[in-house]
Amino acid sequence: MTNAFSQIRHADGRAYYQGTPLSLADAQIMLNDDILRRRVRVGAYLRVDGGRLVLVNGPALRHSVNRPVSSVLSPRAGRQE
């Protein structure tokens, strides 16, 4: 049996979704779409808490990530100068 959730609340109690019951998979797809549209911050996730579905906002994006970039991904890759 698949649980259906007609309400999704933010962790602070505010409503995120209220309407037609959704499966957890459908709720995750909705959250992914909202992250893509920047309505919800990257890193947010859904948590089942006592039969309720709760949206927990994730950490903010870090402005710099220090990872080496492969020369294949460089904008100048393949160009001869």
C-alpha atoms as a PDB file:
ATOM      1  CA  MET A   1       0.000   0.000   0.000  1.00  0.00           C
ATOM      2  CA  THR A   2       1.286   3.433  -0.960  1.00  0.00           C
ATOM      3  CA  ASN A   3       0.745   6.330   1.415  1.00  0.00           C
ATOM      4  CA  ALA A   4      -0.899   9.415  -0.025  1.00  0.00           C
ATOM      5  CA  PHE A   5      -0.337  12.887   1.375  1.00  0.00           C
ATOM      6  CA  SER A   6      -2.900  15.657   0.879  1.00  0.00           C
ATOM      7  CA  GLN A   7      -0.813  18.154   2.857  1.00  0.00           C
ATOM      8  CA  ILE A   8       2.877  18.961   2.939  1.00  0.00           C
ATOM      9  CA  ARG A   9       4.079  21.379   5.596  1.00  0.00           C
ATOM     10  CA  HIS A  10       7.330  23.271   5.940  1.00  0.00           C
ATOM     11  CA  ALA A  11       9.285  22.295   9.048  1.00  0.00           C
ATOM     12  CA  ASP A  12       8.173  25.593  10.666  1.00  0.00           C
ATOM     13  CA  GLY A  13       4.491  24.678  10.154  1.00  0.00           C
ATOM     14  CA  ARG A  14       3.670  26.771   7.073  1.00  0.00           C
ATOM     15  CA  ALA A  15       1.746  25.052   4.285  1.00  0.00           C
ATOM     16  CA  TYR A  16       3.769  23.993   1.243  1.00  0.00           C
ATOM     17  CA  TYR A  17       1.057  21.964  -0.517  1.00  0.00           C
ATOM     18  CA  GLN A  18      -2.587  21.210   0.134  1.00  0.00           C
ATOM     19  CA  GLY A  19      -4.792  19.466  -2.377  1.00  0.00           C
ATOM     20  CA  THR A  20      -5.220  16.183  -4.190  1.00  0.00           C
ATOM     21  CA  PRO A  21      -3.405  13.378  -2.338  1.00  0.00           C
ATOM     22  CA  LEU A  22       0.077  12.670  -3.717  1.00  0.00           C
ATOM     23  CA  SER A  23       2.312   9.655  -3.386  1.00  0.00           C
ATOM     24  CA  LEU A  24       5.747  10.254  -1.911  1.00  0.00           C
ATOM     25  CA  ALA A  25       7.224   9.837  -5.404  1.00  0.00           C
ATOM     26  CA  ASP A  26       4.881  12.485  -6.844  1.00  0.00           C
ATOM     27  CA  ALA A  27       5.655  14.832  -3.961  1.00  0.00           C
ATOM     28  CA  GLN A  28       9.383  14.394  -4.641  1.00  0.00           C
ATOM     29  CA  ILE A  29       8.869  15.209  -8.322  1.00  0.00           C
ATOM     30  CA  MET A  30       6.938  18.350  -7.329  1.00  0.00           C
ATOM     31  CA  LEU A  31       9.769  19.347  -4.980  1.00  0.00           C
ATOM     32  CA  ASN A  32      12.383  18.744  -7.699  1.00  0.00           C
ATOM     33  CA  ASP A  33      10.399  20.965 -10.085  1.00  0.00           C
ATOM     34  CA  ASP A  34      10.188  23.717  -7.452  1.00  0.00           C
ATOM     35  CA  ILE A  35      13.933  23.490  -6.831  1.00  0.00           C
ATOM     36  CA  LEU A  36      14.514  23.795 -10.580  1.00  0.00           C
ATOM     37  CA  ARG A  37      12.257  26.871 -10.679  1.00  0.00           C
ATOM     38  CA  ARG A  38      14.050  28.280  -7.613  1.00  0.00           C
ATOM     39  CA  ARG A  39      10.887  28.359  -5.508  1.00  0.00           C
ATOM     40  CA  VAL A  40      12.591  26.090  -2.980  1.00  0.00           C
ATOM     41  CA  ARG A  41      16.273  26.162  -2.100  1.00  0.00           C
ATOM     42  CA  VAL A  42      18.670  23.508  -3.305  1.00  0.00           C
ATOM     43  CA  GLY A  43      19.183  20.861  -0.656  1.00  0.00           C
ATOM     44  CA  ALA A  44      15.559  20.836   0.527  1.00  0.00           C
ATOM     45  CA  TYR A  45      14.153  17.379   1.187  1.00  0.00           C
ATOM     46  CA  LEU A  46      10.960  15.631   2.245  1.00  0.00           C
ATOM     47  CA  ARG A  47      10.698  13.788   5.545  1.00  0.00           C
ATOM     48  CA  VAL A  48       7.904  11.500   6.698  1.00  0.00           C
ATOM     49  CA  ASP A  49       7.131  12.414  10.294  1.00  0.00           C
ATOM     50  CA  GLY A  50       4.409  10.489  12.085  1.00  0.00           C
ATOM     51  CA  GLY A  51       2.372   9.938   8.935  1.00  0.00           C
ATOM     52  CA  ARG A  52       2.801  13.543   7.794  1.00  0.00           C
ATOM     53  CA  LEU A  53       5.060  14.831   5.055  1.00  0.00           C
ATOM     54  CA  VAL A  54       7.385  17.680   6.044  1.00  0.00           C
ATOM     55  CA  LEU A  55       9.519  19.838   3.751  1.00  0.00           C
ATOM     56  CA  VAL A  56      12.882  20.625   5.307  1.00  0.00           C
ATOM     57  CA  ASN A  57      14.924  23.393   3.704  1.00  0.00           C
ATOM     58  CA  GLY A  58      18.489  22.384   3.049  1.00  0.00           C
ATOM     59  CA  PRO A  59      21.634  24.446   3.508  1.00  0.00           C
ATOM     60  CA  ALA A  60      22.240  27.456   1.289  1.00  0.00           C
ATOM     61  CA  LEU A  61      24.523  27.040  -1.673  1.00  0.00           C
ATOM     62  CA  ARG A  62      28.149  27.826  -1.091  1.00  0.00           C
ATOM     63  CA  HIS A  63      29.449  30.531  -3.389  1.00  0.00           C
ATOM     64  CA  SER A  64      32.743  28.845  -4.126  1.00  0.00           C
ATOM     65  CA  VAL A  65      33.622  25.231  -4.512  1.00  0.00           C
ATOM     66  CA  ASN A  66      37.312  24.504  -4.854  1.00  0.00           C
ATOM     67  CA  ARG A  67      37.487  21.605  -7.244  1.00  0.00           C
ATOM     68  CA  PRO A  68      39.942  21.241 -10.088  1.00  0.00           C
ATOM     69  CA  VAL A  69      38.306  21.493 -13.501  1.00  0.00           C
ATOM     70  CA  SER A  70      39.239  18.975 -16.134  1.00  0.00           C
ATOM     71  CA  SER A  71      40.821  20.471 -19.245  1.00  0.00           C
ATOM     72  CA  VAL A  72      38.110  18.696 -21.238  1.00  0.00           C
ATOM     73  CA  LEU A  73      35.535  20.931 -19.547  1.00  0.00           C
ATOM     74  CA  SER A  74      37.544  24.110 -20.046  1.00  0.00           C
ATOM     75  CA  PRO A  75      36.006  26.674 -22.425  1.00  0.00           C
ATOM     76  CA  ARG A  76      39.313  26.696 -24.328  1.00  0.00           C
ATOM     77  CA  ALA A  77      39.473  22.914 -24.706  1.00  0.00           C
ATOM     78  CA  GLY A  78      40.061  21.887 -28.297  1.00  0.00           C
ATOM     79  CA  ARG A  79      41.031  25.409 -29.435  1.00  0.00           C
ATOM     80  CA  GLN A  80      44.431  26.123 -30.779  1.00  0.00           C
ATOM     81  CA  GLU A  81      45.859  29.506 -29.966  1.00  0.00           C
END
